[in-house]
Amino acid sequence: TELIFQWSVVMWCFLMAIFYVLSMRPASELAALGRMDSLTVGAGQWWRLFTAVLLHADVGHLMANLSAGFLVLGLAMGRYGIGCGLLAAYLAGAGGNLTGLALYPEPYRGVGASGMVMGGLGLLAIQSLSLWRESPKAARYILSGVVAGVLLFVLLGLDPASDVVAHLGGFVFGLALGGALAL
């Protein structure tokens, strides 16, 4: 299939930058109210699974997510459509936070769109699943896409200084959502 890049991903980059600026203002409580915190989510503040995706710890963290997210989400939005691709990646990012909530034994806090970016990578890795009905050789293409996605995940998502569990959760949720959308 042809490669389509959706340039409206620039709006996502601007949105992430706006949330960063708003959360870093001196009197802002946005970061404290929106970050992923396992204790408060357990007490009923479920929305933190979603709001934490929009927040970042510092400029370096923001720029790392924007640089990878620009390419990955631009391609995912080109493949699945602007709204559908962005929503699926966002839900995968929240799924990454949910994975962290489930797997970390101690109180867990986190912010960032890296789970969303890894979710976008999962969406791209599984996009060829729709070919399985068209050709007996489709399994090769599907497997190639998934293996390439896993290798990119290893390269981008397994930095020990990052939240590897949220990255893995985002990637797996992206694979699941992308598989459902591709079919």
Protein backbone atom coordinates (compact mmCIF):
# COMPACT_ATOMS: atom_id res chain seq x y z
CA THR A 1 0.00 0.00 0.00
CA GLU A 2 1.08 3.55 -0.41
CA LEU A 3 2.60 5.41 2.50
CA ILE A 4 0.44 8.28 3.73
CA PHE A 5 1.65 10.83 6.26
CA GLN A 6 -1.01 12.95 7.95
CA TRP A 7 0.45 16.42 8.49
CA SER A 8 -2.30 17.37 10.93
CA VAL A 9 -0.14 15.60 13.53
CA VAL A 10 1.43 19.04 13.92
CA MET A 11 -1.73 20.03 15.82
CA TRP A 12 -1.08 17.17 18.27
CA CYS A 13 2.45 18.53 18.77
CA PHE A 14 1.06 22.00 19.48
CA LEU A 15 -1.48 20.54 21.92
CA MET A 16 1.27 18.70 23.81
CA ALA A 17 3.35 21.91 23.95
CA ILE A 18 0.37 23.94 25.22
CA PHE A 19 -0.32 21.43 27.99
CA TYR A 20 3.36 21.50 28.92
CA VAL A 21 3.43 25.30 29.15
CA LEU A 22 0.19 25.38 31.17
CA SER A 23 1.42 22.71 33.58
CA MET A 24 4.74 24.48 34.19
CA ARG A 25 3.27 27.86 35.13
CA PRO A 26 4.16 28.83 38.71
CA ALA A 27 0.64 28.70 40.17
CA SER A 28 -0.54 25.77 38.04
CA GLU A 29 -1.76 22.61 39.71
CA LEU A 30 -2.39 20.93 36.36
CA ALA A 31 0.56 18.55 36.75
CA ALA A 32 -0.44 17.50 40.26
CA LEU A 33 -4.09 17.04 39.29
CA GLY A 34 -3.44 15.19 36.04
CA ARG A 35 -0.44 12.94 36.57
CA MET A 36 -0.82 9.19 36.82
CA ASP A 37 -0.86 8.30 40.50
CA SER A 38 -1.82 4.74 41.41
CA LEU A 39 -3.11 5.71 44.84
CA THR A 40 -5.53 8.35 43.57
CA VAL A 41 -6.63 6.20 40.62
CA GLY A 42 -7.35 3.42 43.10
CA ALA A 43 -9.40 5.91 45.11
CA GLY A 44 -11.62 6.60 42.10
CA GLN A 45 -9.81 9.24 40.01
CA TRP A 46 -9.82 7.06 36.87
CA TRP A 47 -9.38 10.03 34.51
CA ARG A 48 -5.71 10.24 35.49
CA LEU A 49 -5.10 7.26 33.20
CA PHE A 50 -5.97 9.65 30.33
CA THR A 51 -4.77 13.05 31.57
CA ALA A 52 -1.25 11.80 32.35
CA VAL A 53 -0.73 11.19 28.62
CA LEU A 54 -0.96 14.97 28.06
CA LEU A 55 1.63 15.98 30.68
CA HIS A 56 5.45 15.88 30.66
CA ALA A 57 8.12 16.14 33.34
CA ASP A 58 10.48 18.52 31.52
CA VAL A 59 11.37 19.93 28.09
CA GLY A 60 13.64 16.99 27.23
CA HIS A 61 10.83 14.54 27.99
CA LEU A 62 8.40 16.57 25.87
CA MET A 63 10.81 16.83 22.94
CA ALA A 64 11.59 13.11 22.98
CA ASN A 65 7.88 12.29 22.78
CA LEU A 66 7.21 14.94 20.14
CA SER A 67 10.06 13.87 17.86
CA ALA A 68 9.09 10.19 17.86
CA GLY A 69 5.36 10.92 18.06
CA PHE A 70 5.44 13.27 15.07
CA LEU A 71 6.58 10.48 12.76
CA VAL A 72 4.77 7.52 14.33
CA LEU A 73 1.44 9.24 14.92
CA GLY A 74 1.58 11.03 11.56
CA LEU A 75 1.86 7.64 9.84
CA ALA A 76 -0.79 6.02 12.07
CA MET A 77 -3.20 8.89 11.39
CA GLY A 78 -2.48 8.54 7.67
CA ARG A 79 -3.28 4.83 7.79
CA TYR A 80 -6.35 4.80 10.06
CA GLY A 81 -7.68 8.32 9.55
CA ILE A 82 -7.06 11.46 11.57
CA GLY A 83 -9.59 10.96 14.36
CA CYS A 84 -9.56 7.19 14.50
CA GLY A 85 -5.77 6.88 14.45
CA LEU A 86 -5.23 9.57 17.06
CA LEU A 87 -7.99 8.22 19.33
CA ALA A 88 -6.67 4.66 19.08
CA ALA A 89 -3.14 5.81 19.95
CA TYR A 90 -4.47 7.91 22.84
CA LEU A 91 -6.47 4.96 24.19
CA ALA A 92 -3.36 2.79 23.86
CA GLY A 93 -1.44 5.39 25.91
CA ALA A 94 -4.11 5.19 28.60
CA GLY A 95 -3.81 1.41 28.33
CA GLY A 96 -0.10 1.77 29.03
CA ASN A 97 -0.93 3.67 32.22
CA LEU A 98 -3.45 0.98 33.11
CA THR A 99 -0.74 -1.65 32.61
CA GLY A 100 1.54 0.26 34.97
CA LEU A 101 -1.27 0.46 37.51
CA ALA A 102 -1.76 -3.31 37.28
CA LEU A 103 1.89 -4.40 37.29
CA TYR A 104 3.75 -2.02 39.61
CA PRO A 105 3.55 -3.37 43.17
CA GLU A 106 4.31 -0.04 44.89
CA PRO A 107 2.73 3.38 44.47
CA TYR A 108 3.27 4.42 40.88
CA ARG A 109 3.40 7.91 39.37
CA GLY A 110 3.99 8.87 35.79
CA VAL A 111 3.41 11.39 33.02
CA GLY A 112 4.07 11.50 29.31
CA ALA A 113 2.87 10.57 25.86
CA SER A 114 5.41 7.81 25.31
CA GLY A 115 2.78 5.11 25.91
CA MET A 116 0.69 6.83 23.23
CA VAL A 117 3.66 6.90 20.85
CA MET A 118 4.30 3.20 21.49
CA GLY A 119 0.59 2.62 20.91
CA GLY A 120 0.95 4.35 17.54
CA LEU A 121 3.87 2.05 16.79
CA GLY A 122 1.66 -0.94 17.63
CA LEU A 123 -1.01 0.42 15.29
CA LEU A 124 1.53 0.61 12.47
CA ALA A 125 3.02 -2.82 13.21
CA ILE A 126 -0.31 -4.61 12.79
CA GLN A 127 -1.80 -2.55 9.96
CA SER A 128 -1.24 -5.27 7.34
CA LEU A 129 -3.55 -7.68 9.20
CA SER A 130 -6.32 -6.78 6.76
CA LEU A 131 -4.35 -8.60 4.02
CA TRP A 132 -4.92 -12.04 5.55
CA ARG A 133 -8.12 -12.53 3.51
CA GLU A 134 -6.59 -11.44 0.22
CA SER A 135 -3.61 -13.71 -0.28
CA PRO A 136 -2.10 -16.93 1.01
CA LYS A 137 1.23 -15.08 1.21
CA ALA A 138 -0.24 -12.42 3.47
CA ALA A 139 1.02 -14.15 6.62
CA ARG A 140 4.56 -13.25 5.59
CA TYR A 141 3.69 -9.55 5.31
CA ILE A 142 1.76 -9.54 8.56
CA LEU A 143 4.58 -11.28 10.42
CA SER A 144 7.16 -8.94 8.86
CA GLY A 145 5.21 -5.91 10.05
CA VAL A 146 4.81 -7.21 13.58
CA VAL A 147 8.48 -8.24 13.84
CA ALA A 148 9.57 -4.83 12.54
CA GLY A 149 7.28 -3.16 15.09
CA VAL A 150 8.71 -5.27 17.91
CA LEU A 151 12.27 -4.42 16.87
CA LEU A 152 11.43 -0.71 16.78
CA PHE A 153 9.79 -1.10 20.19
CA VAL A 154 13.00 -2.65 21.53
CA LEU A 155 15.01 0.23 20.07
CA LEU A 156 12.72 3.04 21.24
CA GLY A 157 10.77 1.69 24.20
CA LEU A 158 13.17 -0.28 26.39
CA ASP A 159 15.33 2.50 27.80
CA PRO A 160 15.83 1.53 31.49
CA ALA A 161 15.52 5.20 32.48
CA SER A 162 11.97 5.33 31.09
CA ASP A 163 8.68 3.73 32.07
CA VAL A 164 9.16 0.44 30.22
CA VAL A 165 5.93 -1.05 31.61
CA ALA A 166 3.81 1.83 30.27
CA HIS A 167 5.66 1.59 26.94
CA LEU A 168 4.97 -2.14 26.70
CA GLY A 169 1.34 -1.67 27.70
CA GLY A 170 0.89 1.08 25.11
CA PHE A 171 2.48 -1.07 22.40
CA VAL A 172 0.33 -4.12 23.23
CA PHE A 173 -2.86 -2.03 23.41
CA GLY A 174 -1.85 -0.46 20.07
CA LEU A 175 -1.46 -3.90 18.53
CA ALA A 176 -4.89 -4.94 19.83
CA LEU A 177 -6.66 -1.76 18.73
CA GLY A 178 -4.85 -1.75 15.37
CA GLY A 179 -5.80 -5.38 14.78
CA ALA A 180 -9.44 -4.60 15.48
CA LEU A 181 -9.34 -1.57 13.17
CA ALA A 182 -7.48 -3.41 10.40
CA LEU A 183 -10.07 -6.16 10.33
